[in-house]
Amino acid sequence: AMGMHYIIQGIIVVVGLLAILASLFNWNWFFQSQNTQFIVNNVGRKRARLFYALLGLLMIATAVYFFLEVQEAIQ
């Protein structure tokens, strides 16, 4: 279970990238999915795209931060 946190961090980065790419390319399948409807319906597609872009960046930044913290702890 030693490398499990790397797998979890990797998944967080991939999901973050997916959110950013969906925002950049305005993917219909992403913004018409049931999970995004609450935000899309409340703030509109344009703001939902911005929200998911920021969320993606936050997820990647969090994964990188924890990766660096773990590397520092290992030293």
C-alpha atoms as a PDB file:
ATOM      1  CA  ALA A   1       0.000   0.000   0.000  1.00  0.00           C
ATOM      2  CA  MET A   2       3.104   2.202  -0.106  1.00  0.00           C
ATOM      3  CA  GLY A   3       2.467   3.537  -3.612  1.00  0.00           C
ATOM      4  CA  MET A   4      -1.295   3.912  -3.192  1.00  0.00           C
ATOM      5  CA  HIS A   5      -1.072   7.670  -2.591  1.00  0.00           C
ATOM      6  CA  TYR A   6       0.702   8.038  -5.955  1.00  0.00           C
ATOM      7  CA  ILE A   7      -2.194   6.274  -7.670  1.00  0.00           C
ATOM      8  CA  ILE A   8      -4.719   8.528  -5.914  1.00  0.00           C
ATOM      9  CA  GLN A   9      -2.702  11.653  -6.803  1.00  0.00           C
ATOM     10  CA  GLY A  10      -2.517  10.454 -10.407  1.00  0.00           C
ATOM     11  CA  ILE A  11      -6.294  10.010 -10.544  1.00  0.00           C
ATOM     12  CA  ILE A  12      -6.812  13.516  -9.102  1.00  0.00           C
ATOM     13  CA  VAL A  13      -4.479  14.986 -11.768  1.00  0.00           C
ATOM     14  CA  VAL A  14      -6.274  13.104 -14.578  1.00  0.00           C
ATOM     15  CA  VAL A  15      -9.715  14.253 -13.347  1.00  0.00           C
ATOM     16  CA  GLY A  16      -8.388  17.819 -13.005  1.00  0.00           C
ATOM     17  CA  LEU A  17      -7.035  17.715 -16.568  1.00  0.00           C
ATOM     18  CA  LEU A  18     -10.355  16.345 -17.810  1.00  0.00           C
ATOM     19  CA  ALA A  19     -12.220  19.249 -16.167  1.00  0.00           C
ATOM     20  CA  ILE A  20      -9.805  21.790 -17.696  1.00  0.00           C
ATOM     21  CA  LEU A  21      -9.991  20.235 -21.182  1.00  0.00           C
ATOM     22  CA  ALA A  22     -13.791  20.037 -21.000  1.00  0.00           C
ATOM     23  CA  SER A  23     -13.854  23.747 -20.125  1.00  0.00           C
ATOM     24  CA  LEU A  24     -11.428  24.752 -22.881  1.00  0.00           C
ATOM     25  CA  PHE A  25     -13.146  22.752 -25.618  1.00  0.00           C
ATOM     26  CA  ASN A  26     -16.696  23.230 -24.257  1.00  0.00           C
ATOM     27  CA  TRP A  27     -17.433  19.489 -24.522  1.00  0.00           C
ATOM     28  CA  ASN A  28     -21.182  18.868 -24.718  1.00  0.00           C
ATOM     29  CA  TRP A  29     -20.972  15.365 -23.241  1.00  0.00           C
ATOM     30  CA  PHE A  30     -19.327  16.856 -20.142  1.00  0.00           C
ATOM     31  CA  PHE A  31     -21.633  19.839 -19.629  1.00  0.00           C
ATOM     32  CA  GLN A  32     -24.802  17.899 -20.436  1.00  0.00           C
ATOM     33  CA  SER A  33     -23.997  15.122 -17.945  1.00  0.00           C
ATOM     34  CA  GLN A  34     -26.216  14.762 -14.894  1.00  0.00           C
ATOM     35  CA  ASN A  35     -23.366  15.667 -12.518  1.00  0.00           C
ATOM     36  CA  THR A  36     -22.771  19.099 -14.061  1.00  0.00           C
ATOM     37  CA  GLN A  37     -26.425  20.079 -14.508  1.00  0.00           C
ATOM     38  CA  PHE A  38     -26.808  21.683 -11.071  1.00  0.00           C
ATOM     39  CA  ILE A  39     -24.035  24.194 -11.782  1.00  0.00           C
ATOM     40  CA  VAL A  40     -24.864  24.700 -15.478  1.00  0.00           C
ATOM     41  CA  ASN A  41     -28.538  25.356 -14.672  1.00  0.00           C
ATOM     42  CA  ASN A  42     -27.739  27.769 -11.841  1.00  0.00           C
ATOM     43  CA  VAL A  43     -24.929  29.886 -13.281  1.00  0.00           C
ATOM     44  CA  GLY A  44     -25.060  29.170 -17.014  1.00  0.00           C
ATOM     45  CA  ARG A  45     -22.682  27.359 -19.334  1.00  0.00           C
ATOM     46  CA  LYS A  46     -20.065  30.125 -19.528  1.00  0.00           C
ATOM     47  CA  ARG A  47     -19.612  30.398 -15.759  1.00  0.00           C
ATOM     48  CA  ALA A  48     -19.822  26.614 -15.391  1.00  0.00           C
ATOM     49  CA  ARG A  49     -16.869  26.328 -17.802  1.00  0.00           C
ATOM     50  CA  LEU A  50     -14.887  28.800 -15.690  1.00  0.00           C
ATOM     51  CA  PHE A  51     -15.857  26.965 -12.509  1.00  0.00           C
ATOM     52  CA  TYR A  52     -14.697  23.595 -13.843  1.00  0.00           C
ATOM     53  CA  ALA A  53     -11.466  25.093 -15.217  1.00  0.00           C
ATOM     54  CA  LEU A  54     -10.687  26.525 -11.765  1.00  0.00           C
ATOM     55  CA  LEU A  55     -11.726  23.286 -10.072  1.00  0.00           C
ATOM     56  CA  GLY A  56      -9.382  21.353 -12.389  1.00  0.00           C
ATOM     57  CA  LEU A  57      -6.488  23.687 -11.610  1.00  0.00           C
ATOM     58  CA  LEU A  58      -7.202  23.390  -7.888  1.00  0.00           C
ATOM     59  CA  MET A  59      -7.238  19.587  -8.092  1.00  0.00           C
ATOM     60  CA  ILE A  60      -3.918  19.485  -9.950  1.00  0.00           C
ATOM     61  CA  ALA A  61      -2.341  22.017  -7.586  1.00  0.00           C
ATOM     62  CA  THR A  62      -3.515  19.961  -4.590  1.00  0.00           C
ATOM     63  CA  ALA A  63      -2.095  16.729  -6.035  1.00  0.00           C
ATOM     64  CA  VAL A  64       1.246  18.420  -6.797  1.00  0.00           C
ATOM     65  CA  TYR A  65       1.361  19.942  -3.301  1.00  0.00           C
ATOM     66  CA  PHE A  66       0.780  16.568  -1.616  1.00  0.00           C
ATOM     67  CA  PHE A  67       3.276  14.897  -3.962  1.00  0.00           C
ATOM     68  CA  LEU A  68       5.951  17.433  -2.941  1.00  0.00           C
ATOM     69  CA  GLU A  69       5.030  17.101   0.768  1.00  0.00           C
ATOM     70  CA  VAL A  70       5.417  13.306   0.586  1.00  0.00           C
ATOM     71  CA  GLN A  71       8.743  13.645  -1.239  1.00  0.00           C
ATOM     72  CA  GLU A  72       9.954  15.995   1.492  1.00  0.00           C
ATOM     73  CA  ALA A  73       8.798  13.591   4.220  1.00  0.00           C
ATOM     74  CA  ILE A  74      10.652  10.691   2.574  1.00  0.00           C
ATOM     75  CA  GLN A  75      13.977  12.608   2.547  1.00  0.00           C
END
